[in-house]
Amino acid sequence: MARKPRQHWYELYRSIAPRIAGYEGSASIYEVIRKEAERAGYDERILKRILNAGVFLTDVLAPENLSEEVVKCGYTHIEILERLYKLDAPLAIKLRDKVLANVVTLKQLNSDLASARDKGGQVVASARSSARQRINDHRRLSLNLIAQAGAGFFGNPDAEMVLVHRFRSLGQFILLNDPDRPIAVIPRIGDSSLKPAKAADLLLQLAIAHKIYFDRIWLILPEDSELAQEVVAQAVDMKIFENWLFLAIPNEDRTALEQYQNRGRLLEKKMFGEDDHRWDGVSMVDGRELFGSLKPV
């Protein structure tokens, strides 16, 4: 049975996070977190929640170096504030100092979260219309920049560029029409209704399903975004990034394409032990909670 915790959660986060981030051993990062949890007297799942709350607090909500004395609230307050931030960032930032001072109750935070969700529901129809417009705008911009970049940008300067209107489930894309080295250049914006990790997973499934037809596949994604970072992180893990899968985005002023190689999200996942292959479930024999990680076989 775990010992009773003796530290405030944020003090614990600040003491453990550097050790996890700097770990270079051969053991699984989950084993490292498990040992840290045992040492601190916390349940492993609770420690992971504390680490996630600490990352959001220090990296997103309050990037300045907060002392333990400033953070008087619990990690659950920060978890709810993170959910609120994703729906109404200005409100979450406005509440930040009061939450840290522990003068906002969990009940009030949950009420604010419910109100933000209700407001989101009221604009679903408008959001769908905006999403369609973003898709059309991205496709139009991408086609212009692809034509401007020319076939050489994508690795085959001698290939004829063809605008394909329809092919299986790809829809409209650019084909570099070389029988020996066909290359697909596919503008995609990703599903904004999904979290970046899931949207990236779907894009990669699309690319993998069509790899049999192409020597290379290029995805043209929106400007430097969480989606692009997630695609890179997952594709590197799958050993397909810049093997046959490449990414490009419009540059900052949207006047040209640039190859995308940002591995920041991959580093973040390694530091904090995030695992794209993790599963959680319960035993159908006795109801035990189980978890693990599936790797390609």
C-alpha atoms as a PDB file:
ATOM      1  CA  MET A   1       0.000   0.000   0.000  1.00  0.00           C
ATOM      2  CA  ALA A   2       1.338   3.429  -0.932  1.00  0.00           C
ATOM      3  CA  ARG A   3       2.600   5.665   1.856  1.00  0.00           C
ATOM      4  CA  LYS A   4       0.752   8.841   2.703  1.00  0.00           C
ATOM      5  CA  PRO A   5       2.062  11.684   0.518  1.00  0.00           C
ATOM      6  CA  ARG A   6       4.237  14.165   2.412  1.00  0.00           C
ATOM      7  CA  GLN A   7       4.725  16.859  -0.221  1.00  0.00           C
ATOM      8  CA  HIS A   8       2.488  19.395  -1.909  1.00  0.00           C
ATOM      9  CA  TRP A   9       1.860  18.202  -5.457  1.00  0.00           C
ATOM     10  CA  TYR A  10       3.618  21.151  -7.120  1.00  0.00           C
ATOM     11  CA  GLU A  11       6.682  20.804  -4.935  1.00  0.00           C
ATOM     12  CA  LEU A  12       6.749  17.120  -5.905  1.00  0.00           C
ATOM     13  CA  TYR A  13       6.378  18.001  -9.602  1.00  0.00           C
ATOM     14  CA  ARG A  14       9.297  20.448  -9.451  1.00  0.00           C
ATOM     15  CA  SER A  15      11.532  17.889  -7.773  1.00  0.00           C
ATOM     16  CA  ILE A  16      10.671  14.970 -10.075  1.00  0.00           C
ATOM     17  CA  ALA A  17      10.227  16.593 -13.519  1.00  0.00           C
ATOM     18  CA  PRO A  18      13.947  17.393 -14.065  1.00  0.00           C
ATOM     19  CA  ARG A  19      14.943  13.806 -13.231  1.00  0.00           C
ATOM     20  CA  ILE A  20      12.405  12.385 -15.678  1.00  0.00           C
ATOM     21  CA  ALA A  21      13.324  14.910 -18.387  1.00  0.00           C
ATOM     22  CA  GLY A  22      17.026  14.129 -18.002  1.00  0.00           C
ATOM     23  CA  TYR A  23      16.700  10.347 -17.800  1.00  0.00           C
ATOM     24  CA  GLU A  24      18.930   8.549 -20.311  1.00  0.00           C
ATOM     25  CA  GLY A  25      18.832   4.959 -19.040  1.00  0.00           C
ATOM     26  CA  SER A  26      17.567   1.862 -20.801  1.00  0.00           C
ATOM     27  CA  ALA A  27      14.519   1.199 -18.619  1.00  0.00           C
ATOM     28  CA  SER A  28      11.055   2.238 -19.766  1.00  0.00           C
ATOM     29  CA  ILE A  29      10.098   5.769 -18.774  1.00  0.00           C
ATOM     30  CA  TYR A  30       6.992   4.244 -17.205  1.00  0.00           C
ATOM     31  CA  GLU A  31       9.226   2.203 -14.910  1.00  0.00           C
ATOM     32  CA  VAL A  32      11.030   5.408 -13.924  1.00  0.00           C
ATOM     33  CA  ILE A  33       7.719   7.111 -13.116  1.00  0.00           C
ATOM     34  CA  ARG A  34       6.590   4.037 -11.170  1.00  0.00           C
ATOM     35  CA  LYS A  35       9.729   4.153  -9.012  1.00  0.00           C
ATOM     36  CA  GLU A  36       9.348   7.893  -8.450  1.00  0.00           C
ATOM     37  CA  ALA A  37       5.747   7.301  -7.362  1.00  0.00           C
ATOM     38  CA  GLU A  38       6.810   4.613  -4.882  1.00  0.00           C
ATOM     39  CA  ARG A  39       9.535   6.853  -3.501  1.00  0.00           C
ATOM     40  CA  ALA A  40       7.124   9.771  -3.019  1.00  0.00           C
ATOM     41  CA  GLY A  41       4.274   7.670  -1.617  1.00  0.00           C
ATOM     42  CA  TYR A  42       1.888   8.400  -4.497  1.00  0.00           C
ATOM     43  CA  ASP A  43      -0.151   6.096  -6.686  1.00  0.00           C
ATOM     44  CA  GLU A  44       1.473   5.885 -10.128  1.00  0.00           C
ATOM     45  CA  ARG A  45      -1.665   7.147 -11.903  1.00  0.00           C
ATOM     46  CA  ILE A  46      -1.858  10.123  -9.537  1.00  0.00           C
ATOM     47  CA  LEU A  47       1.764  10.988 -10.194  1.00  0.00           C
ATOM     48  CA  LYS A  48       1.142  10.982 -13.944  1.00  0.00           C
ATOM     49  CA  ARG A  49      -1.780  13.368 -13.430  1.00  0.00           C
ATOM     50  CA  ILE A  50       0.477  15.585 -11.305  1.00  0.00           C
ATOM     51  CA  LEU A  51       3.150  15.595 -14.018  1.00  0.00           C
ATOM     52  CA  ASN A  52       0.603  16.512 -16.696  1.00  0.00           C
ATOM     53  CA  ALA A  53      -0.869  19.272 -14.534  1.00  0.00           C
ATOM     54  CA  GLY A  54       2.604  20.612 -13.795  1.00  0.00           C
ATOM     55  CA  VAL A  55       3.564  20.695 -17.479  1.00  0.00           C
ATOM     56  CA  PHE A  56       0.393  22.599 -18.381  1.00  0.00           C
ATOM     57  CA  LEU A  57       0.867  25.038 -15.506  1.00  0.00           C
ATOM     58  CA  THR A  58       4.532  25.800 -16.132  1.00  0.00           C
ATOM     59  CA  ASP A  59       4.653  25.594 -19.930  1.00  0.00           C
ATOM     60  CA  VAL A  60       1.271  27.007 -20.970  1.00  0.00           C
ATOM     61  CA  LEU A  61      -0.640  28.767 -18.239  1.00  0.00           C
ATOM     62  CA  ALA A  62       2.144  30.472 -16.327  1.00  0.00           C
ATOM     63  CA  PRO A  63       5.495  30.111 -18.089  1.00  0.00           C
ATOM     64  CA  GLU A  64       7.280  32.286 -15.499  1.00  0.00           C
ATOM     65  CA  ASN A  65       9.151  30.396 -12.776  1.00  0.00           C
ATOM     66  CA  LEU A  66       6.454  29.824 -10.148  1.00  0.00           C
ATOM     67  CA  SER A  67       7.489  29.041  -6.597  1.00  0.00           C
ATOM     68  CA  GLU A  68       5.759  26.444  -4.470  1.00  0.00           C
ATOM     69  CA  GLU A  69       4.401  29.234  -2.262  1.00  0.00           C
ATOM     70  CA  VAL A  70       2.379  30.668  -5.164  1.00  0.00           C
ATOM     71  CA  VAL A  71       0.639  27.391  -6.025  1.00  0.00           C
ATOM     72  CA  LYS A  72      -1.828  26.852  -3.186  1.00  0.00           C
ATOM     73  CA  CYS A  73      -4.444  24.900  -5.164  1.00  0.00           C
ATOM     74  CA  GLY A  74      -4.598  21.189  -5.885  1.00  0.00           C
ATOM     75  CA  TYR A  75      -3.572  19.535  -9.141  1.00  0.00           C
ATOM     76  CA  THR A  76      -7.257  18.778  -9.840  1.00  0.00           C
ATOM     77  CA  HIS A  77      -7.884  22.539 -10.068  1.00  0.00           C
ATOM     78  CA  ILE A  78      -5.196  22.748 -12.754  1.00  0.00           C
ATOM     79  CA  GLU A  79      -6.639  19.751 -14.631  1.00  0.00           C
ATOM     80  CA  ILE A  80     -10.047  21.444 -14.836  1.00  0.00           C
ATOM     81  CA  LEU A  81      -8.425  24.761 -15.745  1.00  0.00           C
ATOM     82  CA  GLU A  82      -6.636  23.000 -18.627  1.00  0.00           C
ATOM     83  CA  ARG A  83      -9.969  21.691 -19.962  1.00  0.00           C
ATOM     84  CA  LEU A  84     -11.410  25.187 -19.639  1.00  0.00           C
ATOM     85  CA  TYR A  85      -8.371  26.638 -21.421  1.00  0.00           C
ATOM     86  CA  LYS A  86      -9.052  24.465 -24.465  1.00  0.00           C
ATOM     87  CA  LEU A  87     -12.606  25.860 -24.673  1.00  0.00           C
ATOM     88  CA  ASP A  88     -12.120  29.443 -23.472  1.00  0.00           C
ATOM     89  CA  ALA A  89      -8.471  30.395 -23.085  1.00  0.00           C
ATOM     90  CA  PRO A  90      -9.116  34.057 -22.078  1.00  0.00           C
ATOM     91  CA  LEU A  91     -11.394  32.963 -19.225  1.00  0.00           C
ATOM     92  CA  ALA A  92      -8.879  30.362 -18.020  1.00  0.00           C
ATOM     93  CA  ILE A  93      -6.104  32.971 -18.004  1.00  0.00           C
ATOM     94  CA  LYS A  94      -8.382  35.430 -16.197  1.00  0.00           C
ATOM     95  CA  LEU A  95      -9.071  32.843 -13.472  1.00  0.00           C
ATOM     96  CA  ARG A  96      -5.460  31.696 -13.200  1.00  0.00           C
ATOM     97  CA  ASP A  97      -4.299  33.799 -10.260  1.00  0.00           C
ATOM     98  CA  LYS A  98      -7.437  33.133  -8.216  1.00  0.00           C
ATOM     99  CA  VAL A  99      -7.163  29.420  -8.891  1.00  0.00           C
ATOM    100  CA  LEU A 100      -3.496  29.384  -7.867  1.00  0.00           C
ATOM    101  CA  ALA A 101      -4.417  31.257  -4.681  1.00  0.00           C
ATOM    102  CA  ASN A 102      -7.036  28.539  -4.023  1.00  0.00           C
ATOM    103  CA  VAL A 103      -9.949  30.971  -3.753  1.00  0.00           C
ATOM    104  CA  VAL A 104     -11.911  29.313  -6.579  1.00  0.00           C
ATOM    105  CA  THR A 105     -13.677  26.101  -5.639  1.00  0.00           C
ATOM    106  CA  LEU A 106     -13.770  22.975  -7.763  1.00  0.00           C
ATOM    107  CA  LYS A 107     -17.540  23.402  -7.949  1.00  0.00           C
ATOM    108  CA  GLN A 108     -17.172  26.888  -9.462  1.00  0.00           C
ATOM    109  CA  LEU A 109     -14.510  25.709 -11.900  1.00  0.00           C
ATOM    110  CA  ASN A 110     -16.714  22.845 -13.058  1.00  0.00           C
ATOM    111  CA  SER A 111     -19.595  25.308 -13.466  1.00  0.00           C
ATOM    112  CA  ASP A 112     -17.407  27.568 -15.635  1.00  0.00           C
ATOM    113  CA  LEU A 113     -16.324  24.524 -17.638  1.00  0.00           C
ATOM    114  CA  ALA A 114     -19.955  23.461 -18.210  1.00  0.00           C
ATOM    115  CA  SER A 115     -20.875  27.000 -19.335  1.00  0.00           C
ATOM    116  CA  ALA A 116     -17.972  27.032 -21.796  1.00  0.00           C
ATOM    117  CA  ARG A 117     -19.120  23.702 -23.214  1.00  0.00           C
ATOM    118  CA  ASP A 118     -22.681  25.022 -23.590  1.00  0.00           C
ATOM    119  CA  LYS A 119     -21.424  28.048 -25.488  1.00  0.00           C
ATOM    120  CA  GLY A 120     -19.426  25.722 -27.714  1.00  0.00           C
ATOM    121  CA  GLY A 121     -22.548  23.735 -28.498  1.00  0.00           C
ATOM    122  CA  GLN A 122     -24.364  26.860 -29.610  1.00  0.00           C
ATOM    123  CA  VAL A 123     -21.815  27.561 -32.306  1.00  0.00           C
ATOM    124  CA  VAL A 124     -21.454  24.039 -33.735  1.00  0.00           C
ATOM    125  CA  ALA A 125     -23.218  24.903 -36.983  1.00  0.00           C
ATOM    126  CA  SER A 126     -21.122  28.008 -37.426  1.00  0.00           C
ATOM    127  CA  ALA A 127     -17.973  26.030 -36.635  1.00  0.00           C
ATOM    128  CA  ARG A 128     -18.798  23.463 -39.303  1.00  0.00           C
ATOM    129  CA  SER A 129     -19.207  26.208 -41.858  1.00  0.00           C
ATOM    130  CA  SER A 130     -15.926  27.775 -40.758  1.00  0.00           C
ATOM    131  CA  ALA A 131     -14.207  24.379 -40.936  1.00  0.00           C
ATOM    132  CA  ARG A 132     -15.328  23.889 -44.531  1.00  0.00           C
ATOM    133  CA  GLN A 133     -14.052  27.355 -45.365  1.00  0.00           C
ATOM    134  CA  ARG A 134     -10.673  26.619 -43.735  1.00  0.00           C
ATOM    135  CA  ILE A 135     -10.380  23.382 -45.714  1.00  0.00           C
ATOM    136  CA  ASN A 136     -11.163  25.163 -48.984  1.00  0.00           C
ATOM    137  CA  ASP A 137      -8.776  28.020 -48.183  1.00  0.00           C
ATOM    138  CA  HIS A 138      -5.960  25.623 -47.279  1.00  0.00           C
ATOM    139  CA  ARG A 139      -6.488  23.553 -50.426  1.00  0.00           C
ATOM    140  CA  ARG A 140      -6.532  26.654 -52.633  1.00  0.00           C
ATOM    141  CA  LEU A 141      -3.379  28.090 -51.035  1.00  0.00           C
ATOM    142  CA  SER A 142      -1.616  24.724 -51.114  1.00  0.00           C
ATOM    143  CA  LEU A 143      -2.290  24.158 -54.810  1.00  0.00           C
ATOM    144  CA  ASN A 144      -0.900  27.596 -55.642  1.00  0.00           C
ATOM    145  CA  LEU A 145       2.231  27.080 -53.532  1.00  0.00           C
ATOM    146  CA  ILE A 146       2.779  23.530 -54.846  1.00  0.00           C
ATOM    147  CA  ALA A 147       2.684  24.795 -58.429  1.00  0.00           C
ATOM    148  CA  GLN A 148       5.034  27.634 -57.490  1.00  0.00           C
ATOM    149  CA  ALA A 149       7.486  25.271 -55.739  1.00  0.00           C
ATOM    150  CA  GLY A 150       7.665  22.953 -58.745  1.00  0.00           C
ATOM    151  CA  ALA A 151       8.350  19.233 -58.968  1.00  0.00           C
ATOM    152  CA  GLY A 152      11.966  19.627 -57.853  1.00  0.00           C
ATOM    153  CA  PHE A 153      10.898  20.703 -54.362  1.00  0.00           C
ATOM    154  CA  PHE A 154       9.316  17.272 -53.868  1.00  0.00           C
ATOM    155  CA  GLY A 155      12.285  15.294 -55.172  1.00  0.00           C
ATOM    156  CA  ASN A 156      11.649  14.646 -58.860  1.00  0.00           C
ATOM    157  CA  PRO A 157      12.281  17.727 -61.039  1.00  0.00           C
ATOM    158  CA  ASP A 158      11.630  15.832 -64.286  1.00  0.00           C
ATOM    159  CA  ALA A 159       8.157  14.574 -63.370  1.00  0.00           C
ATOM    160  CA  GLU A 160       5.025  16.138 -64.821  1.00  0.00           C
ATOM    161  CA  MET A 161       2.718  17.591 -62.147  1.00  0.00           C
ATOM    162  CA  VAL A 162      -0.901  16.487 -62.546  1.00  0.00           C
ATOM    163  CA  LEU A 163      -3.896  17.749 -60.579  1.00  0.00           C
ATOM    164  CA  VAL A 164      -5.822  14.563 -59.783  1.00  0.00           C
ATOM    165  CA  HIS A 165      -9.488  15.214 -59.064  1.00  0.00           C
ATOM    166  CA  ARG A 166     -10.353  11.761 -57.805  1.00  0.00           C
ATOM    167  CA  PHE A 167      -8.457   8.677 -56.668  1.00  0.00           C
ATOM    168  CA  ARG A 168      -9.759   6.214 -54.087  1.00  0.00           C
ATOM    169  CA  SER A 169     -10.200   8.059 -50.768  1.00  0.00           C
ATOM    170  CA  LEU A 170      -7.576  10.731 -51.409  1.00  0.00           C
ATOM    171  CA  GLY A 171      -9.796  13.200 -53.179  1.00  0.00           C
ATOM    172  CA  GLN A 172      -7.937  16.036 -54.881  1.00  0.00           C
ATOM    173  CA  PHE A 173      -4.123  15.884 -54.823  1.00  0.00           C
ATOM    174  CA  ILE A 174      -1.052  16.553 -56.968  1.00  0.00           C
ATOM    175  CA  LEU A 175       0.601  13.585 -58.693  1.00  0.00           C
ATOM    176  CA  LEU A 176       4.207  13.768 -59.853  1.00  0.00           C
ATOM    177  CA  ASN A 177       3.590  11.477 -62.772  1.00  0.00           C
ATOM    178  CA  ASP A 178       6.699   9.325 -63.133  1.00  0.00           C
ATOM    179  CA  PRO A 179       5.938   5.596 -63.671  1.00  0.00           C
ATOM    180  CA  ASP A 180       9.114   4.605 -61.815  1.00  0.00           C
ATOM    181  CA  ARG A 181       8.817   7.107 -58.936  1.00  0.00           C
ATOM    182  CA  PRO A 182       5.257   8.402 -58.570  1.00  0.00           C
ATOM    183  CA  ILE A 183       4.940  10.956 -55.792  1.00  0.00           C
ATOM    184  CA  ALA A 184       1.726  12.191 -54.147  1.00  0.00           C
ATOM    185  CA  VAL A 185       1.456  15.706 -52.746  1.00  0.00           C
ATOM    186  CA  ILE A 186      -1.653  15.877 -50.576  1.00  0.00           C
ATOM    187  CA  PRO A 187      -3.020  19.048 -48.957  1.00  0.00           C
ATOM    188  CA  ARG A 188      -4.669  18.244 -45.631  1.00  0.00           C
ATOM    189  CA  ILE A 189      -5.845  20.354 -42.707  1.00  0.00           C
ATOM    190  CA  GLY A 190      -6.712  17.564 -40.283  1.00  0.00           C
ATOM    191  CA  ASP A 191      -9.896  17.157 -38.262  1.00  0.00           C
ATOM    192  CA  SER A 192     -10.072  20.187 -35.955  1.00  0.00           C
ATOM    193  CA  SER A 193     -12.768  18.482 -33.864  1.00  0.00           C
ATOM    194  CA  LEU A 194     -10.203  15.915 -32.678  1.00  0.00           C
ATOM    195  CA  LYS A 195      -7.221  16.277 -30.424  1.00  0.00           C
ATOM    196  CA  PRO A 196      -3.997  16.755 -32.444  1.00  0.00           C
ATOM    197  CA  ALA A 197      -2.720  13.263 -31.575  1.00  0.00           C
ATOM    198  CA  LYS A 198      -5.857  11.569 -32.912  1.00  0.00           C
ATOM    199  CA  ALA A 199      -6.035  13.823 -35.987  1.00  0.00           C
ATOM    200  CA  ALA A 200      -2.382  13.014 -36.722  1.00  0.00           C
ATOM    201  CA  ASP A 201      -3.087   9.309 -36.311  1.00  0.00           C
ATOM    202  CA  LEU A 202      -5.855   9.499 -38.928  1.00  0.00           C
ATOM    203  CA  LEU A 203      -3.615  11.363 -41.383  1.00  0.00           C
ATOM    204  CA  LEU A 204      -0.899   8.749 -40.976  1.00  0.00           C
ATOM    205  CA  GLN A 205      -3.413   5.948 -41.508  1.00  0.00           C
ATOM    206  CA  LEU A 206      -4.449   7.656 -44.744  1.00  0.00           C
ATOM    207  CA  ALA A 207      -0.831   7.929 -45.913  1.00  0.00           C
ATOM    208  CA  ILE A 208       0.042   4.339 -44.982  1.00  0.00           C
ATOM    209  CA  ALA A 209      -3.057   2.994 -46.745  1.00  0.00           C
ATOM    210  CA  HIS A 210      -1.941   4.620 -50.008  1.00  0.00           C
ATOM    211  CA  LYS A 211       1.829   4.113 -49.764  1.00  0.00           C
ATOM    212  CA  ILE A 212       1.611   1.058 -52.033  1.00  0.00           C
ATOM    213  CA  TYR A 213       0.921   3.376 -54.981  1.00  0.00           C
ATOM    214  CA  PHE A 214       3.682   5.940 -54.402  1.00  0.00           C
ATOM    215  CA  ASP A 215       7.430   6.181 -53.938  1.00  0.00           C
ATOM    216  CA  ARG A 216       6.931   9.182 -51.656  1.00  0.00           C
ATOM    217  CA  ILE A 217       4.009  10.962 -50.054  1.00  0.00           C
ATOM    218  CA  TRP A 218       4.083  14.610 -49.072  1.00  0.00           C
ATOM    219  CA  LEU A 219       1.458  16.050 -46.731  1.00  0.00           C
ATOM    220  CA  ILE A 220       0.914  19.796 -47.034  1.00  0.00           C
ATOM    221  CA  LEU A 221      -0.328  20.927 -43.620  1.00  0.00           C
ATOM    222  CA  PRO A 222      -1.265  24.339 -42.228  1.00  0.00           C
ATOM    223  CA  GLU A 223       1.410  26.602 -40.757  1.00  0.00           C
ATOM    224  CA  ASP A 224       3.507  25.294 -37.827  1.00  0.00           C
ATOM    225  CA  SER A 225       0.839  23.764 -35.631  1.00  0.00           C
ATOM    226  CA  GLU A 226       0.210  21.104 -33.008  1.00  0.00           C
ATOM    227  CA  LEU A 227      -1.046  18.844 -35.793  1.00  0.00           C
ATOM    228  CA  ALA A 228       2.193  19.053 -37.787  1.00  0.00           C
ATOM    229  CA  GLN A 229       4.242  18.437 -34.642  1.00  0.00           C
ATOM    230  CA  GLU A 230       2.133  15.391 -33.762  1.00  0.00           C
ATOM    231  CA  VAL A 231       2.476  13.962 -37.277  1.00  0.00           C
ATOM    232  CA  VAL A 232       6.259  14.292 -37.043  1.00  0.00           C
ATOM    233  CA  ALA A 233       6.392  12.738 -33.567  1.00  0.00           C
ATOM    234  CA  GLN A 234       4.319   9.729 -34.565  1.00  0.00           C
ATOM    235  CA  ALA A 235       5.958   9.302 -37.977  1.00  0.00           C
ATOM    236  CA  VAL A 236       9.460   9.328 -36.455  1.00  0.00           C
ATOM    237  CA  ASP A 237       8.338   6.700 -33.966  1.00  0.00           C
ATOM    238  CA  MET A 238       7.055   4.593 -36.880  1.00  0.00           C
ATOM    239  CA  LYS A 239      10.357   5.119 -38.771  1.00  0.00           C
ATOM    240  CA  ILE A 240       8.596   6.521 -41.840  1.00  0.00           C
ATOM    241  CA  PHE A 241       9.343  10.251 -41.435  1.00  0.00           C
ATOM    242  CA  GLU A 242      11.633  11.447 -44.221  1.00  0.00           C
ATOM    243  CA  ASN A 243      11.907   7.827 -45.295  1.00  0.00           C
ATOM    244  CA  TRP A 244       8.898   7.974 -47.589  1.00  0.00           C
ATOM    245  CA  LEU A 245       6.666  10.437 -45.727  1.00  0.00           C
ATOM    246  CA  PHE A 246       7.511  14.148 -45.908  1.00  0.00           C
ATOM    247  CA  LEU A 247       5.780  17.286 -44.634  1.00  0.00           C
ATOM    248  CA  ALA A 248       5.636  20.836 -45.914  1.00  0.00           C
ATOM    249  CA  ILE A 249       3.817  23.943 -44.659  1.00  0.00           C
ATOM    250  CA  PRO A 250       3.329  27.486 -45.956  1.00  0.00           C
ATOM    251  CA  ASN A 251       6.014  29.824 -44.678  1.00  0.00           C
ATOM    252  CA  GLU A 252       5.210  32.576 -42.188  1.00  0.00           C
ATOM    253  CA  ASP A 253       3.897  35.039 -44.779  1.00  0.00           C
ATOM    254  CA  ARG A 254       2.173  32.261 -46.783  1.00  0.00           C
ATOM    255  CA  THR A 255       4.116  33.042 -49.965  1.00  0.00           C
ATOM    256  CA  ALA A 256       6.049  29.769 -50.373  1.00  0.00           C
ATOM    257  CA  LEU A 257       6.271  26.212 -49.102  1.00  0.00           C
ATOM    258  CA  GLU A 258       8.939  25.100 -46.655  1.00  0.00           C
ATOM    259  CA  GLN A 259       9.824  21.567 -45.629  1.00  0.00           C
ATOM    260  CA  TYR A 260       8.649  20.846 -42.083  1.00  0.00           C
ATOM    261  CA  GLN A 261      11.074  19.111 -39.709  1.00  0.00           C
ATOM    262  CA  ASN A 262      10.127  20.363 -36.235  1.00  0.00           C
ATOM    263  CA  ARG A 263      10.768  17.548 -33.737  1.00  0.00           C
ATOM    264  CA  GLY A 264       9.799  19.554 -30.649  1.00  0.00           C
ATOM    265  CA  ARG A 265       6.740  17.461 -29.837  1.00  0.00           C
ATOM    266  CA  LEU A 266       8.764  14.248 -30.158  1.00  0.00           C
ATOM    267  CA  LEU A 267      11.245  15.549 -27.579  1.00  0.00           C
ATOM    268  CA  GLU A 268       8.397  16.560 -25.276  1.00  0.00           C
ATOM    269  CA  LYS A 269       6.891  13.071 -25.459  1.00  0.00           C
ATOM    270  CA  LYS A 270      10.227  11.463 -24.610  1.00  0.00           C
ATOM    271  CA  MET A 271      10.748  13.820 -21.680  1.00  0.00           C
ATOM    272  CA  PHE A 272       7.384  13.148 -20.092  1.00  0.00           C
ATOM    273  CA  GLY A 273       6.951   9.516 -21.027  1.00  0.00           C
ATOM    274  CA  GLU A 274       3.970   9.869 -23.357  1.00  0.00           C
ATOM    275  CA  ASP A 275       3.316   6.707 -25.335  1.00  0.00           C
ATOM    276  CA  ASP A 276       1.251   6.671 -28.539  1.00  0.00           C
ATOM    277  CA  HIS A 277       0.955   2.898 -28.250  1.00  0.00           C
ATOM    278  CA  ARG A 278      -0.422   2.784 -24.697  1.00  0.00           C
ATOM    279  CA  TRP A 279      -3.691   1.022 -23.905  1.00  0.00           C
ATOM    280  CA  ASP A 280      -5.820   0.897 -20.760  1.00  0.00           C
ATOM    281  CA  GLY A 281      -8.549  -1.603 -19.962  1.00  0.00           C
ATOM    282  CA  VAL A 282     -10.012  -4.072 -17.513  1.00  0.00           C
ATOM    283  CA  SER A 283      -9.676  -7.845 -17.278  1.00  0.00           C
ATOM    284  CA  MET A 284     -12.736  -9.720 -18.505  1.00  0.00           C
ATOM    285  CA  VAL A 285     -11.805 -12.452 -15.998  1.00  0.00           C
ATOM    286  CA  ASP A 286     -11.780 -10.565 -12.716  1.00  0.00           C
ATOM    287  CA  GLY A 287     -12.214  -6.866 -13.519  1.00  0.00           C
ATOM    288  CA  ARG A 288      -8.634  -5.829 -12.699  1.00  0.00           C
ATOM    289  CA  GLU A 289      -7.466  -2.539 -14.213  1.00  0.00           C
ATOM    290  CA  LEU A 290      -4.712  -3.281 -16.724  1.00  0.00           C
ATOM    291  CA  PHE A 291      -2.522  -1.268 -19.039  1.00  0.00           C
ATOM    292  CA  GLY A 292       0.277  -1.875 -21.507  1.00  0.00           C
ATOM    293  CA  SER A 293       1.825  -0.712 -24.744  1.00  0.00           C
ATOM    294  CA  LEU A 294       1.446  -2.270 -28.189  1.00  0.00           C
ATOM    295  CA  LYS A 295       4.306  -2.103 -30.687  1.00  0.00           C
ATOM    296  CA  PRO A 296       4.334  -3.074 -34.356  1.00  0.00           C
ATOM    297  CA  VAL A 297       5.037  -6.801 -34.825  1.00  0.00           C
END
